[in-house]
Amino acid sequence: NRSTVLSFSEKSSVEGIETRQYRLSEDQLANASINPSHSVWFADGPSGLLNMSALQGGVPVFLSKPHFLDGSSGLAANVSFDTPTVRDKHDTDLHVEPITGFTFRASKSLQTNLLISPYNSTKLPVSDLPETYFPLFWACESAVLQPSQAKQFKSDVLGPIHLANTVKTACLIVGPVGIFLGLGLVIRFFVKRRKTSAEAVPLLRSA
């Protein structure tokens, strides 16, 4: 089984909660000439494709990001799309809350493509067509934290954490002040005691 790695992209937020966004990076779809370790997945074509042919009984099916996002520029040379390419819509990403590691928003977008290769025969109309990865369809699966869940998370998790941080900060401020006050009292005590001892005069009785 092939696993993929999502890389940190930027800070984000979901329902007012600070999160970190991780995206399916371009190097995860690099071909074998760029990343030799991908040769085991038969990534011999353009970058931006996942070769699924072995799982489809030899049918040349390839997965990509919608609109060939982050793929080789030649992939879209012979096709056109009705809508513009938008990264937030066509990419795969996760929005993770950094303290707990909970995923608050997830989106997986994949496009299924069929490789059409020219056939060396003058009797077929496809003989003059260039090699094309023809998009069949693309689909998106997504999930997001609901407002009611976000409200509960803020109350049950972030509230106690913020309180603990406030107490910790207060201790860091009050602690040194208390130490200095304690040292001041100790010094004052010894200074006062020395002064008292110096002023004391022993009583001498004459014989």
Protein backbone atom coordinates (compact mmCIF):
# COMPACT_ATOMS: atom_id res chain seq x y z
CA ASN A 1 0.00 0.00 0.00
CA ARG A 2 1.21 3.48 -0.82
CA SER A 3 1.00 6.17 1.83
CA THR A 4 1.28 9.90 1.26
CA VAL A 5 2.62 12.69 3.44
CA LEU A 6 0.94 16.04 3.92
CA SER A 7 3.30 18.96 4.54
CA PHE A 8 2.73 22.10 6.60
CA SER A 9 1.38 24.94 4.50
CA GLU A 10 0.29 27.80 6.76
CA LYS A 11 -1.58 28.81 9.89
CA SER A 12 -5.35 28.75 9.55
CA SER A 13 -8.51 28.78 11.63
CA VAL A 14 -11.74 26.81 11.79
CA GLU A 15 -14.76 28.32 13.56
CA GLY A 16 -12.47 30.79 15.32
CA ILE A 17 -10.10 28.08 16.56
CA GLU A 18 -6.44 28.34 15.54
CA THR A 19 -5.31 25.44 13.36
CA ARG A 20 -2.43 24.41 11.12
CA GLN A 21 -3.04 23.59 7.47
CA TYR A 22 -1.27 20.63 5.85
CA ARG A 23 -1.44 19.99 2.10
CA LEU A 24 -0.58 17.13 -0.25
CA SER A 25 2.73 18.51 -1.45
CA GLU A 26 3.88 18.55 -5.04
CA ASP A 27 6.78 16.17 -4.40
CA GLN A 28 4.37 13.40 -3.37
CA LEU A 29 3.21 13.20 -7.00
CA ALA A 30 6.64 13.63 -8.59
CA ASN A 31 7.61 11.13 -11.27
CA ALA A 32 10.52 8.70 -10.98
CA SER A 33 12.96 11.00 -12.79
CA ILE A 34 12.52 13.56 -10.00
CA ASN A 35 12.06 11.12 -7.14
CA PRO A 36 13.63 7.73 -7.97
CA SER A 37 11.90 6.05 -5.03
CA HIS A 38 8.59 6.45 -6.90
CA SER A 39 9.75 4.02 -9.59
CA VAL A 40 8.25 1.16 -7.56
CA TRP A 41 4.85 2.77 -8.23
CA PHE A 42 5.49 2.90 -12.01
CA ALA A 43 5.62 6.69 -11.93
CA ASP A 44 7.28 6.90 -15.33
CA GLY A 45 4.98 9.47 -16.90
CA PRO A 46 4.56 13.16 -16.16
CA SER A 47 4.65 14.42 -12.59
CA GLY A 48 1.30 14.92 -10.90
CA LEU A 49 -0.10 11.44 -11.56
CA LEU A 50 -0.70 8.26 -9.58
CA ASN A 51 -0.55 5.18 -11.80
CA MET A 52 -3.54 2.94 -11.00
CA SER A 53 -3.24 0.71 -14.08
CA ALA A 54 -2.15 -2.37 -12.12
CA LEU A 55 -5.27 -2.12 -9.97
CA GLN A 56 -7.51 -1.74 -13.02
CA GLY A 57 -6.45 -4.88 -14.87
CA GLY A 58 -4.01 -3.03 -17.09
CA VAL A 59 -6.43 -0.27 -18.11
CA PRO A 60 -4.35 2.96 -18.18
CA VAL A 61 -6.12 4.82 -15.38
CA PHE A 62 -4.30 7.57 -13.48
CA LEU A 63 -5.29 9.71 -10.51
CA SER A 64 -4.30 13.35 -10.13
CA LYS A 65 -5.36 16.49 -8.36
CA PRO A 66 -8.34 18.14 -10.10
CA HIS A 67 -7.39 20.25 -13.11
CA PHE A 68 -3.92 18.62 -12.90
CA LEU A 69 -3.04 20.98 -10.05
CA ASP A 70 0.72 20.78 -9.25
CA GLY A 71 1.25 18.47 -12.21
CA SER A 72 3.50 18.85 -15.25
CA SER A 73 2.43 21.72 -17.49
CA GLY A 74 1.96 19.38 -20.46
CA LEU A 75 -0.86 17.46 -18.78
CA ALA A 76 -3.41 20.18 -19.50
CA ALA A 77 -2.07 21.05 -22.94
CA ASN A 78 -4.77 19.11 -24.82
CA VAL A 79 -7.71 19.58 -22.48
CA SER A 80 -9.68 22.52 -21.13
CA PHE A 81 -11.78 23.00 -18.02
CA ASP A 82 -15.00 24.96 -17.62
CA THR A 83 -13.98 26.53 -14.31
CA PRO A 84 -10.71 28.09 -13.12
CA THR A 85 -8.31 26.14 -10.94
CA VAL A 86 -8.63 27.10 -7.27
CA ARG A 87 -6.18 25.56 -4.80
CA ASP A 88 -8.52 25.68 -1.81
CA LYS A 89 -11.13 23.84 -3.88
CA HIS A 90 -8.96 21.41 -5.82
CA ASP A 91 -6.27 20.44 -3.32
CA THR A 92 -6.16 17.81 -0.57
CA ASP A 93 -5.58 19.24 2.89
CA LEU A 94 -6.08 18.92 6.64
CA HIS A 95 -6.61 21.63 9.26
CA VAL A 96 -5.23 20.37 12.57
CA GLU A 97 -5.62 21.93 16.01
CA PRO A 98 -1.98 22.11 17.28
CA ILE A 99 -2.58 21.45 21.00
CA THR A 100 -4.76 18.35 20.77
CA GLY A 101 -3.90 17.16 17.26
CA PHE A 102 -7.59 16.96 16.35
CA THR A 103 -8.48 17.44 12.67
CA PHE A 104 -11.15 20.12 12.34
CA ARG A 105 -11.39 20.25 8.56
CA ALA A 106 -10.39 17.69 5.96
CA SER A 107 -10.73 17.67 2.20
CA LYS A 108 -9.66 15.04 -0.35
CA SER A 109 -9.96 15.95 -4.02
CA LEU A 110 -8.94 13.51 -6.77
CA GLN A 111 -9.41 13.41 -10.52
CA THR A 112 -9.64 10.17 -12.52
CA ASN A 113 -7.94 10.23 -15.91
CA LEU A 114 -7.69 7.80 -18.81
CA LEU A 115 -4.52 7.71 -20.90
CA ILE A 116 -5.34 7.99 -24.60
CA SER A 117 -2.40 7.05 -26.79
CA PRO A 118 -2.17 7.42 -30.59
CA TYR A 119 -2.75 4.17 -32.47
CA ASN A 120 -0.57 3.57 -35.48
CA SER A 121 -3.31 2.93 -38.01
CA THR A 122 -4.65 5.18 -40.76
CA LYS A 123 -8.05 3.49 -40.50
CA LEU A 124 -8.73 4.79 -37.00
CA PRO A 125 -9.71 8.42 -36.32
CA VAL A 126 -7.57 8.50 -33.17
CA SER A 127 -4.34 7.82 -34.99
CA ASP A 128 -3.42 11.50 -35.16
CA LEU A 129 -4.34 12.34 -31.59
CA PRO A 130 -1.44 13.21 -29.26
CA GLU A 131 -0.96 11.23 -26.08
CA THR A 132 -3.44 12.69 -23.63
CA TYR A 133 -4.43 12.02 -20.04
CA PHE A 134 -8.13 12.59 -20.52
CA PRO A 135 -10.04 13.66 -17.36
CA LEU A 136 -13.10 11.49 -16.77
CA PHE A 137 -14.34 13.09 -13.54
CA TRP A 138 -13.16 14.47 -10.24
CA ALA A 139 -14.66 14.14 -6.79
CA CYS A 140 -14.19 15.76 -3.42
CA GLU A 141 -14.78 14.30 0.02
CA SER A 142 -14.75 16.77 2.91
CA ALA A 143 -15.72 17.16 6.54
CA VAL A 144 -15.62 20.15 8.85
CA LEU A 145 -16.15 20.88 12.54
CA GLN A 146 -19.68 22.08 13.25
CA PRO A 147 -20.33 25.36 15.16
CA SER A 148 -21.86 23.50 18.13
CA GLN A 149 -18.81 21.24 18.34
CA ALA A 150 -16.48 24.22 18.13
CA LYS A 151 -18.34 25.93 20.98
CA GLN A 152 -18.02 22.82 23.16
CA PHE A 153 -14.33 22.48 22.32
CA LYS A 154 -13.66 26.09 23.32
CA SER A 155 -15.48 25.57 26.61
CA ASP A 156 -14.22 22.11 27.59
CA VAL A 157 -10.67 22.19 26.20
CA LEU A 158 -9.42 25.67 25.39
CA GLY A 159 -11.01 27.26 28.49
CA PRO A 160 -9.09 25.15 31.04
CA ILE A 161 -5.89 25.44 28.96
CA HIS A 162 -6.12 29.24 28.88
CA LEU A 163 -6.82 29.29 32.63
CA ALA A 164 -3.80 27.10 33.32
CA ASN A 165 -1.62 29.35 31.17
CA THR A 166 -2.89 32.42 33.03
CA VAL A 167 -2.09 30.83 36.41
CA LYS A 168 1.36 29.81 35.17
CA THR A 169 2.07 33.33 33.94
CA ALA A 170 0.91 34.79 37.25
CA CYS A 171 3.18 32.42 39.14
CA LEU A 172 6.12 33.40 36.97
CA ILE A 173 5.46 37.05 37.77
CA VAL A 174 4.56 36.71 41.46
CA GLY A 175 7.28 34.13 42.18
CA PRO A 176 10.31 36.41 41.64
CA VAL A 177 8.54 39.27 43.41
CA GLY A 178 7.91 37.05 46.42
CA ILE A 179 11.54 35.94 46.45
CA PHE A 180 12.78 39.52 46.42
CA LEU A 181 10.35 40.50 49.18
CA GLY A 182 11.47 37.52 51.25
CA LEU A 183 15.14 38.43 50.79
CA GLY A 184 14.34 42.00 51.72
CA LEU A 185 12.70 40.91 54.97
CA VAL A 186 15.61 38.60 55.84
CA ILE A 187 18.18 41.35 55.17
CA ARG A 188 16.15 43.82 57.19
CA PHE A 189 15.95 41.38 60.09
CA PHE A 190 19.71 40.81 60.23
CA VAL A 191 20.50 44.52 59.82
CA LYS A 192 18.14 45.39 62.66
CA ARG A 193 19.60 42.64 64.83
CA ARG A 194 23.18 43.83 64.23
CA LYS A 195 22.19 47.39 65.06
CA THR A 196 20.58 46.28 68.31
CA SER A 197 23.68 44.30 69.29
CA ALA A 198 25.94 47.28 68.60
CA GLU A 199 23.87 49.60 70.73
CA ALA A 200 23.76 47.23 73.70
CA VAL A 201 26.16 48.30 76.51
CA PRO A 202 27.17 45.72 79.15
CA LEU A 203 26.45 46.75 82.77
CA LEU A 204 29.68 46.85 84.86
CA ARG A 205 29.59 46.98 88.62
CA SER A 206 32.42 48.56 90.53
CA ALA A 207 34.13 46.42 93.12
